[in-house]
Amino acid sequence: MNASVQRPIDRWFHSYSGDHQNETNQLIHVFAVPAILWSVVAFLWCIPVFGTLFKSGVWAALAMFATWMFYNRLSRPIGYGMLVVFFTMGCLCRLLEQSVGLQNLLYIAIAVFVLAWIAQFIGHKIEGKKPSFFTDLVYLLIGPIWVLSKFYRKMGWKY
């Protein structure tokens, strides 16, 4: 594809893929990136909102919506996929909040966040390259859709 006609999402993926050539690192990312995304959603889920009908989840919902708008602008199919991902993550947060409580949800999110980032840095040590977000923080948003695009390619879906 000619670089002058490439979509922005293709340029982001091309650059991100350049830092993720090692198969082990890619495999680690397939598990660790969604785990990190969920843990961030869970952190935001745990921030209380006083004086409203909602006691939890509002900040997570707002952040997921804003992030989804970014993804949807890059690619409608990716936007639809991330809508499903975010809905599922929100449901998981709600389910965990109901079953273990908000404080324990926060502790679980912290543990998942720390373990997933350790895995990420191990993957990049194996790769021999620094994480992409060290060059541009937007790559923190690209990682989840890069993983999703791998799933789309496996399914034969266009993104």
Protein backbone atom coordinates (compact mmCIF):
# COMPACT_ATOMS: atom_id res chain seq x y z
CA MET A 1 0.00 0.00 0.00
CA ASN A 2 1.33 3.42 -0.94
CA ALA A 3 2.32 5.40 2.16
CA SER A 4 0.50 8.48 0.87
CA VAL A 5 -2.86 6.64 0.81
CA GLN A 6 -2.45 4.66 4.00
CA ARG A 7 -5.07 5.21 6.64
CA PRO A 8 -3.88 6.56 10.00
CA ILE A 9 -4.67 3.22 11.66
CA ASP A 10 -2.39 1.44 9.17
CA ARG A 11 0.44 3.84 9.96
CA TRP A 12 -0.05 3.35 13.72
CA PHE A 13 -0.08 -0.44 13.32
CA HIS A 14 2.96 -0.43 11.03
CA SER A 15 4.97 1.57 13.53
CA TYR A 16 3.73 -0.42 16.54
CA SER A 17 4.45 -3.72 14.77
CA GLY A 18 8.03 -2.60 14.19
CA ASP A 19 8.59 -2.73 17.96
CA HIS A 20 6.87 -6.10 18.27
CA GLN A 21 8.54 -8.55 15.89
CA ASN A 22 9.43 -11.31 18.36
CA GLU A 23 6.76 -14.03 18.58
CA THR A 24 7.15 -14.43 22.33
CA ASN A 25 6.74 -10.71 22.87
CA GLN A 26 3.67 -10.71 20.62
CA LEU A 27 2.16 -13.60 22.59
CA ILE A 28 2.82 -11.81 25.87
CA HIS A 29 1.11 -8.71 24.45
CA VAL A 30 -1.97 -10.70 23.44
CA PHE A 31 -2.57 -11.45 27.12
CA ALA A 32 -0.92 -8.54 28.93
CA VAL A 33 -2.35 -5.63 26.90
CA PRO A 34 -6.01 -6.59 27.48
CA ALA A 35 -5.18 -7.25 31.14
CA ILE A 36 -3.68 -3.77 31.49
CA LEU A 37 -6.65 -2.22 29.71
CA TRP A 38 -9.07 -4.04 32.02
CA SER A 39 -7.10 -3.00 35.11
CA VAL A 40 -7.22 0.66 34.07
CA VAL A 41 -10.98 0.35 33.50
CA ALA A 42 -11.26 -1.26 36.94
CA PHE A 43 -9.21 1.53 38.57
CA LEU A 44 -11.53 4.10 37.06
CA TRP A 45 -14.52 1.97 38.06
CA CYS A 46 -13.47 2.27 41.68
CA ILE A 47 -13.40 6.09 41.77
CA PRO A 48 -16.54 7.09 43.65
CA VAL A 49 -18.98 9.65 42.34
CA PHE A 50 -20.91 11.28 45.13
CA GLY A 51 -24.33 12.85 44.81
CA THR A 52 -25.48 10.82 41.82
CA LEU A 53 -27.43 7.64 41.28
CA PHE A 54 -24.16 5.93 40.34
CA LYS A 55 -21.71 4.99 43.04
CA SER A 56 -19.15 3.32 40.79
CA GLY A 57 -18.33 2.91 37.15
CA VAL A 58 -19.11 6.44 35.97
CA TRP A 59 -15.49 7.47 35.38
CA ALA A 60 -14.78 4.15 33.69
CA ALA A 61 -17.79 4.58 31.41
CA LEU A 62 -16.74 8.10 30.46
CA ALA A 63 -13.15 7.03 29.76
CA MET A 64 -14.28 4.00 27.74
CA PHE A 65 -16.62 6.18 25.70
CA ALA A 66 -13.92 8.77 24.95
CA THR A 67 -11.44 6.06 24.02
CA TRP A 68 -14.04 4.29 21.91
CA MET A 69 -14.63 7.52 19.96
CA PHE A 70 -10.90 7.65 19.14
CA TYR A 71 -10.96 4.02 17.98
CA ASN A 72 -14.15 4.46 15.99
CA ARG A 73 -12.63 7.42 14.12
CA LEU A 74 -9.61 5.29 13.19
CA SER A 75 -11.73 2.37 11.96
CA ARG A 76 -15.41 1.53 12.24
CA PRO A 77 -14.84 -2.25 12.44
CA ILE A 78 -12.24 -1.73 15.19
CA GLY A 79 -14.65 0.67 16.89
CA TYR A 80 -17.37 -1.98 16.89
CA GLY A 81 -14.96 -4.56 18.26
CA MET A 82 -13.78 -2.26 21.02
CA LEU A 83 -17.38 -1.49 21.90
CA VAL A 84 -17.81 -5.20 22.63
CA VAL A 85 -14.50 -5.29 24.53
CA PHE A 86 -15.42 -2.27 26.66
CA PHE A 87 -18.92 -3.57 27.34
CA THR A 88 -17.46 -6.91 28.45
CA MET A 89 -14.88 -5.20 30.67
CA GLY A 90 -17.57 -3.03 32.25
CA CYS A 91 -19.72 -6.10 32.91
CA LEU A 92 -16.73 -7.88 34.46
CA CYS A 93 -16.07 -4.89 36.73
CA ARG A 94 -19.72 -4.79 37.79
CA LEU A 95 -19.79 -8.53 38.41
CA LEU A 96 -16.61 -8.41 40.49
CA GLU A 97 -17.83 -5.37 42.41
CA GLN A 98 -21.02 -7.22 43.32
CA SER A 99 -19.28 -10.45 44.26
CA VAL A 100 -16.11 -9.27 46.04
CA GLY A 101 -16.79 -5.60 46.75
CA LEU A 102 -15.32 -2.39 45.40
CA GLN A 103 -12.22 -2.44 47.59
CA ASN A 104 -11.30 -5.97 46.52
CA LEU A 105 -11.96 -5.04 42.89
CA LEU A 106 -9.36 -2.32 43.34
CA TYR A 107 -6.87 -4.79 44.86
CA ILE A 108 -7.45 -7.22 41.98
CA ALA A 109 -6.95 -4.40 39.47
CA ILE A 110 -3.67 -3.40 41.13
CA ALA A 111 -2.39 -6.98 41.06
CA VAL A 112 -3.40 -7.47 37.42
CA PHE A 113 -1.86 -4.13 36.44
CA VAL A 114 1.49 -4.87 38.11
CA LEU A 115 1.73 -8.46 36.81
CA ALA A 116 0.74 -7.50 33.27
CA TRP A 117 3.29 -4.68 33.15
CA ILE A 118 6.00 -7.01 34.44
CA ALA A 119 5.07 -9.40 31.61
CA GLN A 120 5.17 -6.51 29.11
CA PHE A 121 8.66 -5.47 30.17
CA ILE A 122 9.85 -9.08 30.05
CA GLY A 123 8.48 -9.29 26.52
CA HIS A 124 10.30 -6.15 25.51
CA LYS A 125 13.50 -7.41 27.13
CA ILE A 126 13.17 -10.54 24.98
CA GLU A 127 12.40 -8.33 21.96
CA GLY A 128 15.39 -6.12 22.65
CA LYS A 129 13.37 -2.97 22.03
CA LYS A 130 11.78 -0.44 24.33
CA PRO A 131 7.97 -0.22 24.49
CA SER A 132 6.44 2.00 21.80
CA PHE A 133 4.83 4.35 24.30
CA PHE A 134 8.30 5.58 25.28
CA THR A 135 8.32 7.41 21.92
CA ASP A 136 4.65 8.48 21.91
CA LEU A 137 2.05 8.01 24.65
CA VAL A 138 -0.65 7.45 22.01
CA TYR A 139 0.76 3.94 21.66
CA LEU A 140 -0.84 3.17 25.03
CA LEU A 141 -4.13 3.46 23.11
CA ILE A 142 -2.83 1.63 20.02
CA GLY A 143 -1.78 -1.54 21.88
CA PRO A 144 -5.32 -2.78 22.57
CA ILE A 145 -6.50 -2.29 18.99
CA TRP A 146 -3.28 -3.83 17.63
CA VAL A 147 -4.14 -6.96 19.64
CA LEU A 148 -7.74 -6.79 18.41
CA SER A 149 -6.54 -6.43 14.81
CA LYS A 150 -4.58 -9.68 15.22
CA PHE A 151 -7.87 -11.37 16.14
CA TYR A 152 -9.59 -9.75 13.14
CA ARG A 153 -6.88 -11.06 10.80
CA LYS A 154 -7.22 -14.58 12.25
CA MET A 155 -10.98 -14.42 11.64
CA GLY A 156 -10.48 -13.07 8.11
CA TRP A 157 -12.21 -9.79 9.02
CA LYS A 158 -11.17 -6.41 7.68
CA TYR A 159 -10.40 -3.60 10.03
